[in-house]
N, C-alpha and C. Protein backbone atom coordinates (compact mmCIF):
# COMPACT_ATOMS: atom_id res chain seq x y z
N UNK A 1 17.02 226.17 24.03
CA UNK A 1 18.12 225.78 24.89
C UNK A 1 19.27 225.33 24.01
N UNK A 2 20.46 225.79 24.36
CA UNK A 2 21.65 225.49 23.56
C UNK A 2 21.42 225.81 22.08
N UNK A 3 20.74 226.93 21.81
CA UNK A 3 20.53 227.37 20.45
C UNK A 3 19.37 226.70 19.72
N UNK A 4 18.66 225.81 20.41
CA UNK A 4 17.52 225.14 19.78
C UNK A 4 16.24 225.57 20.46
N UNK A 5 15.17 225.79 19.66
CA UNK A 5 13.90 226.17 20.29
C UNK A 5 13.32 225.00 21.10
N UNK A 6 12.75 225.34 22.23
CA UNK A 6 12.07 224.32 23.04
C UNK A 6 10.71 224.03 22.43
N UNK A 7 10.25 222.79 22.56
CA UNK A 7 8.92 222.49 22.01
C UNK A 7 7.85 223.27 22.76
N UNK A 8 6.80 223.66 22.05
CA UNK A 8 5.70 224.38 22.66
C UNK A 8 4.90 223.48 23.58
N UNK A 9 4.07 224.10 24.38
CA UNK A 9 3.22 223.36 25.29
C UNK A 9 2.19 222.56 24.49
N UNK A 10 1.98 221.34 24.88
CA UNK A 10 0.99 220.50 24.19
C UNK A 10 -0.40 221.09 24.38
N UNK A 11 -1.26 220.98 23.37
CA UNK A 11 -2.62 221.49 23.53
C UNK A 11 -3.31 220.79 24.70
N UNK A 12 -4.11 221.56 25.43
CA UNK A 12 -4.81 220.99 26.57
C UNK A 12 -5.94 220.08 26.08
N UNK A 13 -6.06 218.93 26.75
CA UNK A 13 -7.11 217.98 26.41
C UNK A 13 -7.91 217.67 27.67
N UNK A 14 -9.20 217.46 27.47
CA UNK A 14 -10.12 217.17 28.56
C UNK A 14 -11.05 216.06 28.10
N UNK A 15 -10.99 214.92 28.77
CA UNK A 15 -11.78 213.76 28.37
C UNK A 15 -12.60 213.28 29.56
N UNK A 16 -13.88 213.07 29.34
CA UNK A 16 -14.74 212.48 30.35
C UNK A 16 -14.90 211.01 30.01
N UNK A 17 -14.57 210.14 30.94
CA UNK A 17 -14.62 208.69 30.75
C UNK A 17 -15.58 208.08 31.74
N UNK A 18 -16.36 207.11 31.27
CA UNK A 18 -17.15 206.29 32.20
C UNK A 18 -16.28 205.08 32.52
N UNK A 19 -15.58 205.17 33.65
CA UNK A 19 -14.70 204.07 34.06
C UNK A 19 -15.54 202.87 34.45
N UNK A 20 -15.33 201.73 33.78
CA UNK A 20 -16.04 200.53 34.21
C UNK A 20 -15.34 199.87 35.39
N UNK A 21 -16.04 198.97 36.05
CA UNK A 21 -15.41 198.16 37.09
C UNK A 21 -14.33 197.31 36.41
N UNK A 22 -13.29 196.99 37.19
CA UNK A 22 -12.25 196.11 36.67
C UNK A 22 -11.11 196.83 35.98
N UNK A 23 -11.02 198.14 36.16
CA UNK A 23 -9.91 198.92 35.61
C UNK A 23 -9.25 199.70 36.74
N UNK A 24 -7.94 199.85 36.64
CA UNK A 24 -7.16 200.59 37.62
C UNK A 24 -7.06 202.04 37.13
N UNK A 25 -7.27 202.98 38.05
CA UNK A 25 -7.16 204.40 37.71
C UNK A 25 -5.70 204.80 37.85
N UNK A 26 -4.96 204.53 36.80
CA UNK A 26 -3.53 204.77 36.80
C UNK A 26 -3.05 204.77 35.35
N UNK A 27 -1.82 205.22 35.13
CA UNK A 27 -1.25 205.17 33.78
C UNK A 27 -0.75 203.75 33.46
N UNK A 28 -0.33 203.03 34.49
CA UNK A 28 0.08 201.62 34.29
C UNK A 28 -0.06 200.89 35.61
N UNK A 29 -0.13 199.57 35.53
CA UNK A 29 -0.30 198.76 36.74
C UNK A 29 0.76 197.68 36.76
N UNK A 30 1.53 197.63 37.84
CA UNK A 30 2.61 196.64 37.94
C UNK A 30 2.10 195.21 37.98
N UNK A 31 0.84 195.03 38.40
CA UNK A 31 0.26 193.69 38.45
C UNK A 31 -0.32 193.27 37.08
N UNK A 32 -0.25 194.15 36.10
CA UNK A 32 -0.71 193.80 34.76
C UNK A 32 -2.21 193.91 34.55
N UNK A 33 -2.92 194.53 35.51
CA UNK A 33 -4.37 194.70 35.34
C UNK A 33 -4.63 195.80 34.31
N UNK A 34 -5.81 195.78 33.69
CA UNK A 34 -6.11 196.84 32.74
C UNK A 34 -6.20 198.20 33.43
N UNK A 35 -5.76 199.24 32.74
CA UNK A 35 -5.80 200.60 33.27
C UNK A 35 -6.75 201.44 32.43
N UNK A 36 -7.22 202.54 33.00
CA UNK A 36 -8.20 203.38 32.32
C UNK A 36 -7.69 203.91 30.99
N UNK A 37 -6.39 204.11 30.86
CA UNK A 37 -5.85 204.63 29.60
C UNK A 37 -5.97 203.61 28.47
N UNK A 38 -6.15 202.34 28.80
CA UNK A 38 -6.38 201.32 27.77
C UNK A 38 -7.68 201.58 27.01
N UNK A 39 -8.59 202.36 27.60
CA UNK A 39 -9.89 202.64 27.00
C UNK A 39 -9.85 203.82 26.02
N UNK A 40 -8.71 204.51 25.94
CA UNK A 40 -8.57 205.69 25.10
C UNK A 40 -7.74 205.38 23.86
N UNK A 41 -7.90 206.18 22.80
CA UNK A 41 -6.99 206.05 21.66
C UNK A 41 -5.56 206.33 22.12
N UNK A 42 -4.57 205.66 21.55
CA UNK A 42 -3.18 205.85 21.99
C UNK A 42 -2.71 207.30 21.96
N UNK A 43 -3.18 208.09 21.00
CA UNK A 43 -2.74 209.49 20.93
C UNK A 43 -3.20 210.28 22.15
N UNK A 44 -4.40 210.02 22.64
CA UNK A 44 -4.90 210.71 23.83
C UNK A 44 -4.27 210.12 25.09
N UNK A 45 -4.18 208.80 25.15
CA UNK A 45 -3.63 208.13 26.34
C UNK A 45 -2.20 208.55 26.62
N UNK A 46 -1.48 208.97 25.59
CA UNK A 46 -0.08 209.35 25.76
C UNK A 46 0.09 210.66 26.51
N UNK A 47 -0.95 211.52 26.53
CA UNK A 47 -0.76 212.85 27.10
C UNK A 47 -1.64 213.19 28.30
N UNK A 48 -2.70 212.42 28.57
CA UNK A 48 -3.59 212.77 29.67
C UNK A 48 -3.34 211.92 30.90
N UNK A 49 -3.81 212.45 32.03
CA UNK A 49 -3.68 211.77 33.32
C UNK A 49 -5.04 211.78 34.01
N UNK A 50 -5.33 210.73 34.79
CA UNK A 50 -6.58 210.73 35.55
C UNK A 50 -6.55 211.79 36.65
N UNK A 51 -7.68 212.47 36.84
CA UNK A 51 -7.83 213.44 37.92
C UNK A 51 -8.49 212.71 39.08
N UNK A 52 -7.70 212.38 40.08
CA UNK A 52 -8.20 211.61 41.21
C UNK A 52 -8.23 210.13 40.88
N UNK A 53 -8.87 209.38 41.76
CA UNK A 53 -8.90 207.92 41.61
C UNK A 53 -10.29 207.37 41.86
N UNK A 54 -10.58 206.29 41.18
CA UNK A 54 -11.73 205.44 41.49
C UNK A 54 -11.17 204.04 41.69
N UNK A 55 -11.63 203.35 42.72
CA UNK A 55 -11.15 202.00 43.00
C UNK A 55 -11.39 201.06 41.83
N UNK A 56 -10.66 199.96 41.83
CA UNK A 56 -10.75 198.92 40.81
C UNK A 56 -12.19 198.46 40.60
N UNK A 57 -12.94 198.31 41.70
CA UNK A 57 -14.31 197.81 41.61
C UNK A 57 -15.36 198.92 41.61
N UNK A 58 -14.92 200.17 41.46
CA UNK A 58 -15.82 201.32 41.40
C UNK A 58 -15.91 201.79 39.95
N UNK A 59 -17.09 202.24 39.56
CA UNK A 59 -17.27 202.74 38.21
C UNK A 59 -17.70 204.20 38.26
N UNK A 60 -17.74 204.80 37.08
CA UNK A 60 -18.30 206.13 37.00
C UNK A 60 -17.41 207.16 36.37
N UNK A 61 -17.78 208.41 36.60
CA UNK A 61 -17.16 209.57 35.96
C UNK A 61 -15.71 209.74 36.39
N UNK A 62 -14.86 209.81 35.37
CA UNK A 62 -13.45 210.08 35.60
C UNK A 62 -13.01 211.11 34.57
N UNK A 63 -12.41 212.18 35.04
CA UNK A 63 -11.86 213.20 34.14
C UNK A 63 -10.40 212.87 33.89
N UNK A 64 -9.99 212.96 32.62
CA UNK A 64 -8.59 212.79 32.24
C UNK A 64 -8.17 214.05 31.50
N UNK A 65 -7.01 214.59 31.88
CA UNK A 65 -6.55 215.83 31.27
C UNK A 65 -5.04 215.96 31.39
N UNK A 66 -4.48 216.88 30.63
CA UNK A 66 -3.08 217.26 30.80
C UNK A 66 -2.99 218.68 31.37
N UNK A 67 -4.09 219.18 31.92
CA UNK A 67 -4.16 220.49 32.55
C UNK A 67 -3.90 220.32 34.05
N UNK A 68 -2.63 220.37 34.43
CA UNK A 68 -2.25 220.13 35.82
C UNK A 68 -2.81 221.16 36.78
N UNK A 69 -2.90 222.41 36.36
CA UNK A 69 -3.45 223.47 37.22
C UNK A 69 -4.91 223.17 37.57
N UNK A 70 -5.68 222.78 36.58
CA UNK A 70 -7.09 222.45 36.83
C UNK A 70 -7.19 221.21 37.72
N UNK A 71 -6.40 220.19 37.44
CA UNK A 71 -6.44 218.96 38.24
C UNK A 71 -6.16 219.27 39.70
N UNK A 72 -5.17 220.09 39.96
CA UNK A 72 -4.86 220.46 41.35
C UNK A 72 -6.02 221.20 42.00
N UNK A 73 -6.65 222.07 41.27
CA UNK A 73 -7.79 222.83 41.80
C UNK A 73 -8.94 221.88 42.15
N UNK A 74 -9.22 220.93 41.27
CA UNK A 74 -10.32 219.99 41.50
C UNK A 74 -10.07 219.07 42.69
N UNK A 75 -8.82 218.73 42.92
CA UNK A 75 -8.50 217.75 43.95
C UNK A 75 -8.19 218.35 45.32
N UNK A 76 -7.81 219.61 45.38
CA UNK A 76 -7.41 220.19 46.66
C UNK A 76 -8.63 220.32 47.59
N UNK A 77 -8.54 219.78 48.81
CA UNK A 77 -9.68 219.81 49.74
C UNK A 77 -10.19 221.22 50.06
N UNK A 78 -9.32 222.20 49.96
CA UNK A 78 -9.72 223.57 50.29
C UNK A 78 -10.88 224.06 49.42
N UNK A 79 -10.98 223.57 48.19
CA UNK A 79 -12.00 224.07 47.27
C UNK A 79 -13.33 223.31 47.38
N UNK A 80 -13.34 222.23 48.12
CA UNK A 80 -14.56 221.46 48.40
C UNK A 80 -15.40 221.20 47.14
N UNK A 81 -14.76 220.64 46.13
CA UNK A 81 -15.46 220.30 44.89
C UNK A 81 -16.32 219.06 45.15
N UNK A 82 -17.64 219.16 44.94
CA UNK A 82 -18.51 218.02 45.26
C UNK A 82 -18.32 216.84 44.32
N UNK A 83 -18.41 215.66 44.92
CA UNK A 83 -18.39 214.39 44.20
C UNK A 83 -19.66 213.66 44.59
N UNK A 84 -20.47 213.32 43.62
CA UNK A 84 -21.75 212.68 43.89
C UNK A 84 -21.65 211.22 43.45
N UNK A 85 -22.05 210.33 44.37
CA UNK A 85 -21.99 208.90 44.13
C UNK A 85 -23.38 208.28 44.27
N UNK A 86 -23.67 207.32 43.40
CA UNK A 86 -24.80 206.43 43.62
C UNK A 86 -24.21 205.19 44.28
N UNK A 87 -24.74 204.87 45.45
CA UNK A 87 -24.20 203.79 46.27
C UNK A 87 -25.28 202.75 46.52
N UNK A 88 -24.99 201.51 46.25
CA UNK A 88 -25.89 200.42 46.62
C UNK A 88 -25.26 199.73 47.82
N UNK A 89 -25.96 199.80 48.96
CA UNK A 89 -25.42 199.24 50.20
C UNK A 89 -26.23 198.02 50.61
N UNK A 90 -25.61 197.19 51.41
CA UNK A 90 -26.29 196.03 51.96
C UNK A 90 -27.23 196.49 53.07
N UNK A 91 -28.38 195.87 53.12
CA UNK A 91 -29.33 196.16 54.18
C UNK A 91 -30.29 197.27 53.82
N UNK A 92 -31.24 197.46 54.72
CA UNK A 92 -32.29 198.46 54.51
C UNK A 92 -31.91 199.77 55.20
N UNK A 93 -31.95 200.86 54.42
CA UNK A 93 -31.76 202.20 54.95
C UNK A 93 -33.07 202.94 54.68
N UNK A 94 -33.80 203.25 55.75
CA UNK A 94 -35.09 203.93 55.62
C UNK A 94 -34.87 205.44 55.60
N UNK A 95 -35.89 206.16 55.15
CA UNK A 95 -35.85 207.62 55.17
C UNK A 95 -35.55 208.13 56.58
N UNK A 96 -36.08 207.46 57.58
CA UNK A 96 -35.87 207.89 58.97
C UNK A 96 -34.42 207.70 59.44
N UNK A 97 -33.63 206.91 58.69
CA UNK A 97 -32.21 206.70 59.02
C UNK A 97 -31.32 207.82 58.48
N UNK A 98 -31.83 208.59 57.54
CA UNK A 98 -30.98 209.56 56.83
C UNK A 98 -30.38 210.65 57.72
N UNK A 99 -31.07 211.15 58.76
CA UNK A 99 -30.40 212.13 59.63
C UNK A 99 -29.12 211.56 60.26
N UNK A 100 -29.14 210.30 60.64
CA UNK A 100 -27.94 209.66 61.18
C UNK A 100 -26.83 209.63 60.13
N UNK A 101 -27.19 209.31 58.88
CA UNK A 101 -26.21 209.28 57.79
C UNK A 101 -25.65 210.68 57.55
N UNK A 102 -26.51 211.68 57.63
CA UNK A 102 -26.09 213.06 57.36
C UNK A 102 -25.12 213.58 58.43
N UNK A 103 -25.25 213.11 59.67
CA UNK A 103 -24.34 213.54 60.73
C UNK A 103 -22.92 213.07 60.49
N UNK A 104 -22.76 211.98 59.75
CA UNK A 104 -21.43 211.47 59.44
C UNK A 104 -20.88 210.58 60.53
N UNK A 105 -19.63 210.18 60.34
CA UNK A 105 -18.94 209.28 61.26
C UNK A 105 -17.49 209.74 61.40
N UNK A 106 -16.82 209.23 62.40
CA UNK A 106 -15.39 209.49 62.54
C UNK A 106 -14.65 208.25 62.07
N UNK A 107 -13.83 208.43 61.05
CA UNK A 107 -13.00 207.34 60.52
C UNK A 107 -11.60 207.46 61.12
N UNK A 108 -10.75 206.49 60.83
CA UNK A 108 -9.41 206.52 61.41
C UNK A 108 -8.59 207.72 60.96
N UNK A 109 -8.96 208.36 59.84
CA UNK A 109 -8.23 209.54 59.37
C UNK A 109 -9.04 210.83 59.54
N UNK A 110 -10.06 210.79 60.40
CA UNK A 110 -10.83 211.99 60.71
C UNK A 110 -12.30 211.85 60.37
N UNK A 111 -13.06 212.93 60.59
CA UNK A 111 -14.50 212.88 60.35
C UNK A 111 -14.82 212.73 58.86
N UNK A 112 -15.89 212.01 58.59
CA UNK A 112 -16.42 211.87 57.24
C UNK A 112 -17.88 212.28 57.30
N UNK A 113 -18.16 213.49 56.83
CA UNK A 113 -19.53 213.99 56.86
C UNK A 113 -19.92 214.40 55.45
N UNK A 114 -20.92 213.73 54.89
CA UNK A 114 -21.34 214.07 53.54
C UNK A 114 -22.05 215.42 53.51
N UNK A 115 -22.03 216.04 52.34
CA UNK A 115 -22.79 217.28 52.13
C UNK A 115 -24.27 216.97 51.97
N UNK A 116 -24.57 215.77 51.45
CA UNK A 116 -25.96 215.41 51.21
C UNK A 116 -26.08 213.89 51.09
N UNK A 117 -27.19 213.36 51.61
CA UNK A 117 -27.52 211.95 51.46
C UNK A 117 -29.01 211.86 51.15
N UNK A 118 -29.36 211.16 50.08
CA UNK A 118 -30.77 210.92 49.76
C UNK A 118 -30.95 209.45 49.41
N UNK A 119 -32.13 208.96 49.69
CA UNK A 119 -32.48 207.57 49.39
C UNK A 119 -33.06 207.53 47.99
N UNK A 120 -32.52 206.67 47.13
CA UNK A 120 -33.01 206.54 45.76
C UNK A 120 -34.03 205.42 45.63
N UNK A 121 -33.73 204.27 46.25
CA UNK A 121 -34.66 203.14 46.21
C UNK A 121 -34.20 202.07 47.18
N UNK A 122 -35.09 201.12 47.41
CA UNK A 122 -34.76 199.99 48.26
C UNK A 122 -35.19 198.70 47.59
N UNK A 123 -34.51 197.64 47.92
CA UNK A 123 -34.87 196.32 47.40
C UNK A 123 -35.23 195.43 48.58
N UNK A 124 -36.42 195.65 49.10
CA UNK A 124 -36.81 194.90 50.29
C UNK A 124 -35.87 195.23 51.43
N UNK A 125 -35.46 194.23 52.16
CA UNK A 125 -34.51 194.46 53.25
C UNK A 125 -33.10 194.12 52.87
N UNK A 126 -32.87 193.78 51.58
CA UNK A 126 -31.55 193.28 51.17
C UNK A 126 -30.56 194.38 50.79
N UNK A 127 -31.02 195.36 50.02
CA UNK A 127 -30.13 196.43 49.56
C UNK A 127 -30.89 197.74 49.44
N UNK A 128 -30.13 198.84 49.52
CA UNK A 128 -30.70 200.18 49.37
C UNK A 128 -29.78 200.99 48.47
N UNK A 129 -30.37 201.76 47.58
CA UNK A 129 -29.61 202.69 46.73
C UNK A 129 -29.72 204.09 47.30
N UNK A 130 -28.56 204.73 47.44
CA UNK A 130 -28.48 206.08 47.99
C UNK A 130 -27.69 206.97 47.04
N UNK A 131 -27.93 208.27 47.15
CA UNK A 131 -27.07 209.27 46.54
C UNK A 131 -26.32 209.94 47.68
N UNK A 132 -24.99 209.94 47.59
CA UNK A 132 -24.15 210.49 48.65
C UNK A 132 -23.19 211.50 48.02
N UNK A 133 -23.13 212.69 48.60
CA UNK A 133 -22.24 213.74 48.10
C UNK A 133 -21.18 214.06 49.14
N UNK A 134 -19.92 213.94 48.74
CA UNK A 134 -18.79 214.36 49.57
C UNK A 134 -18.05 215.48 48.85
N UNK A 135 -17.37 216.32 49.61
CA UNK A 135 -16.64 217.44 49.03
C UNK A 135 -15.14 217.26 49.11
N UNK A 136 -14.71 216.03 49.29
CA UNK A 136 -13.28 215.72 49.26
C UNK A 136 -13.15 214.30 48.75
N UNK A 137 -11.98 213.95 48.32
CA UNK A 137 -11.79 212.62 47.73
C UNK A 137 -10.82 211.78 48.52
N UNK A 138 -11.09 211.60 49.81
CA UNK A 138 -10.19 210.79 50.63
C UNK A 138 -10.25 209.32 50.23
N UNK A 139 -9.19 208.61 50.57
CA UNK A 139 -9.03 207.20 50.21
C UNK A 139 -10.23 206.38 50.67
N UNK A 140 -10.94 205.81 49.72
CA UNK A 140 -12.10 204.94 49.96
C UNK A 140 -13.09 205.50 50.98
N UNK A 141 -13.24 206.81 50.97
CA UNK A 141 -14.06 207.47 51.99
C UNK A 141 -15.51 206.98 51.98
N UNK A 142 -16.10 206.88 50.80
CA UNK A 142 -17.51 206.47 50.73
C UNK A 142 -17.68 205.05 51.26
N UNK A 143 -16.81 204.16 50.87
CA UNK A 143 -16.91 202.77 51.33
C UNK A 143 -16.71 202.66 52.84
N UNK A 144 -15.73 203.37 53.36
CA UNK A 144 -15.47 203.32 54.80
C UNK A 144 -16.60 203.95 55.60
N UNK A 145 -17.14 205.05 55.08
CA UNK A 145 -18.27 205.74 55.72
C UNK A 145 -19.49 204.82 55.80
N UNK A 146 -19.85 204.18 54.69
CA UNK A 146 -21.02 203.29 54.67
C UNK A 146 -20.81 202.10 55.59
N UNK A 147 -19.63 201.53 55.56
CA UNK A 147 -19.34 200.38 56.42
C UNK A 147 -19.44 200.77 57.90
N UNK A 148 -18.94 201.96 58.24
CA UNK A 148 -19.01 202.43 59.63
C UNK A 148 -20.45 202.60 60.10
N UNK A 149 -21.36 202.85 59.16
CA UNK A 149 -22.78 202.97 59.49
C UNK A 149 -23.49 201.62 59.44
N UNK A 150 -22.73 200.54 59.25
CA UNK A 150 -23.30 199.20 59.27
C UNK A 150 -23.89 198.72 57.96
N UNK A 151 -23.53 199.39 56.86
CA UNK A 151 -24.07 199.04 55.54
C UNK A 151 -22.94 198.99 54.51
N UNK A 152 -22.24 197.86 54.42
CA UNK A 152 -21.14 197.77 53.44
C UNK A 152 -21.64 198.02 52.02
N UNK A 153 -20.75 198.58 51.22
CA UNK A 153 -21.07 198.93 49.83
C UNK A 153 -21.06 197.68 48.96
N UNK A 154 -22.12 197.51 48.19
CA UNK A 154 -22.18 196.44 47.20
C UNK A 154 -21.74 196.97 45.83
N UNK A 155 -22.14 198.20 45.52
CA UNK A 155 -21.79 198.80 44.23
C UNK A 155 -21.65 200.31 44.41
N UNK A 156 -20.65 200.88 43.74
CA UNK A 156 -20.37 202.31 43.88
C UNK A 156 -20.11 202.91 42.51
N UNK A 157 -20.79 204.03 42.25
CA UNK A 157 -20.67 204.69 40.94
C UNK A 157 -20.64 206.20 41.15
N UNK A 158 -19.59 206.86 40.66
CA UNK A 158 -19.54 208.33 40.73
C UNK A 158 -20.29 208.88 39.52
N UNK A 159 -21.28 209.72 39.78
CA UNK A 159 -22.13 210.24 38.71
C UNK A 159 -21.90 211.73 38.45
N UNK A 160 -21.18 212.38 39.36
CA UNK A 160 -20.90 213.81 39.17
C UNK A 160 -19.61 214.16 39.88
N UNK A 161 -18.83 215.04 39.25
CA UNK A 161 -17.60 215.55 39.83
C UNK A 161 -17.57 217.04 39.51
N UNK A 162 -17.81 217.88 40.53
CA UNK A 162 -17.94 219.31 40.29
C UNK A 162 -19.09 219.54 39.32
N UNK A 163 -18.87 220.33 38.26
CA UNK A 163 -19.94 220.59 37.30
C UNK A 163 -20.14 219.49 36.26
N UNK A 164 -19.27 218.49 36.27
CA UNK A 164 -19.34 217.43 35.26
C UNK A 164 -20.30 216.33 35.70
N UNK A 165 -21.13 215.89 34.76
CA UNK A 165 -22.09 214.82 35.04
C UNK A 165 -21.87 213.66 34.07
N UNK A 166 -22.01 212.45 34.58
CA UNK A 166 -21.81 211.25 33.77
C UNK A 166 -22.90 211.11 32.71
N UNK A 167 -24.13 211.39 33.09
CA UNK A 167 -25.23 211.25 32.13
C UNK A 167 -25.39 209.82 31.66
N UNK A 168 -25.68 209.65 30.39
CA UNK A 168 -25.95 208.33 29.81
C UNK A 168 -24.74 207.69 29.14
N UNK A 169 -23.55 208.22 29.38
CA UNK A 169 -22.35 207.66 28.78
C UNK A 169 -22.17 206.21 29.23
N UNK A 170 -22.00 205.31 28.28
CA UNK A 170 -21.90 203.87 28.58
C UNK A 170 -20.58 203.53 29.25
N UNK A 171 -20.55 202.48 30.08
CA UNK A 171 -19.29 202.05 30.69
C UNK A 171 -18.23 201.78 29.62
N UNK A 172 -17.05 202.34 29.85
CA UNK A 172 -15.94 202.17 28.91
C UNK A 172 -15.89 203.24 27.83
N UNK A 173 -16.97 203.99 27.66
CA UNK A 173 -17.01 205.04 26.63
C UNK A 173 -16.40 206.33 27.17
N UNK A 174 -15.98 207.17 26.25
CA UNK A 174 -15.40 208.47 26.61
C UNK A 174 -15.82 209.49 25.58
N UNK A 175 -15.67 210.77 25.97
CA UNK A 175 -15.97 211.87 25.06
C UNK A 175 -15.20 213.10 25.50
N UNK A 176 -14.96 214.03 24.57
CA UNK A 176 -14.36 215.29 24.99
C UNK A 176 -15.38 216.11 25.77
N UNK A 177 -14.91 217.00 26.61
CA UNK A 177 -15.82 217.88 27.33
C UNK A 177 -16.47 218.86 26.36
N UNK A 178 -17.67 219.26 26.68
CA UNK A 178 -18.37 220.26 25.87
C UNK A 178 -17.83 221.65 26.22
N UNK A 179 -18.15 222.63 25.39
CA UNK A 179 -17.75 224.01 25.68
C UNK A 179 -18.38 224.50 26.97
N UNK A 180 -19.62 224.09 27.23
CA UNK A 180 -20.30 224.47 28.47
C UNK A 180 -19.58 223.89 29.68
N UNK A 181 -19.17 222.63 29.59
CA UNK A 181 -18.44 221.99 30.69
C UNK A 181 -17.09 222.66 30.92
N UNK A 182 -16.40 222.99 29.83
CA UNK A 182 -15.10 223.66 29.95
C UNK A 182 -15.26 225.04 30.60
N UNK A 183 -16.32 225.74 30.22
CA UNK A 183 -16.57 227.05 30.83
C UNK A 183 -16.85 226.90 32.32
N UNK A 184 -17.61 225.88 32.72
CA UNK A 184 -17.90 225.65 34.14
C UNK A 184 -16.62 225.31 34.90
N UNK A 185 -15.72 224.54 34.31
CA UNK A 185 -14.44 224.24 34.96
C UNK A 185 -13.60 225.50 35.07
N UNK A 186 -13.61 226.32 34.05
CA UNK A 186 -12.85 227.58 34.11
C UNK A 186 -13.40 228.49 35.21
N UNK A 187 -14.71 228.45 35.42
CA UNK A 187 -15.31 229.23 36.52
C UNK A 187 -14.75 228.77 37.87
N UNK A 188 -14.50 227.46 38.01
CA UNK A 188 -13.96 226.94 39.26
C UNK A 188 -12.58 227.47 39.57
N UNK A 189 -11.82 227.72 38.52
CA UNK A 189 -10.45 228.20 38.75
C UNK A 189 -10.37 229.72 38.71
N UNK A 190 -11.54 230.34 38.57
CA UNK A 190 -11.56 231.80 38.58
C UNK A 190 -11.18 232.41 37.26
N UNK A 191 -11.33 231.65 36.16
CA UNK A 191 -10.96 232.21 34.87
C UNK A 191 -11.81 231.62 33.83
């Protein structure tokens, strides 16, 4: 432009982060709370953006990238990219309750019906751990869905997003995506 070459496109970066509780999924927070980019080296934090959001008190898998095309593909409801959560809810949820959970509920912004619900464990009558899969990322959908079923969320952790799995990555830790993971993401976008 004006006789000067434009800078080339920055190399694409893909980072899988285990977002701990107590961090905001944003580039900055006006209230001064810690943000997920604080967990990355400054060179990476300067160029990547979170794909979707996890609440301040939610932990788990968060993808950060500067690949806007991929981010849009992952987030658009039309593509129904699964998000798998481990949810610890208040109260006892028995195996016999799961068909009711699978039918879903109607929230103020429309129906919330999971793709899958399984019981992982129970702690007497006090709490139950479930695996819940949704194919869209609506605002606090998992928390609102559980509360509507009479079981408020005590703890929420995203363990899978599309083909990406959190695995044993420690809270606050991050890593680049593997070649296998990148290939699986490219399959999602048709390339």
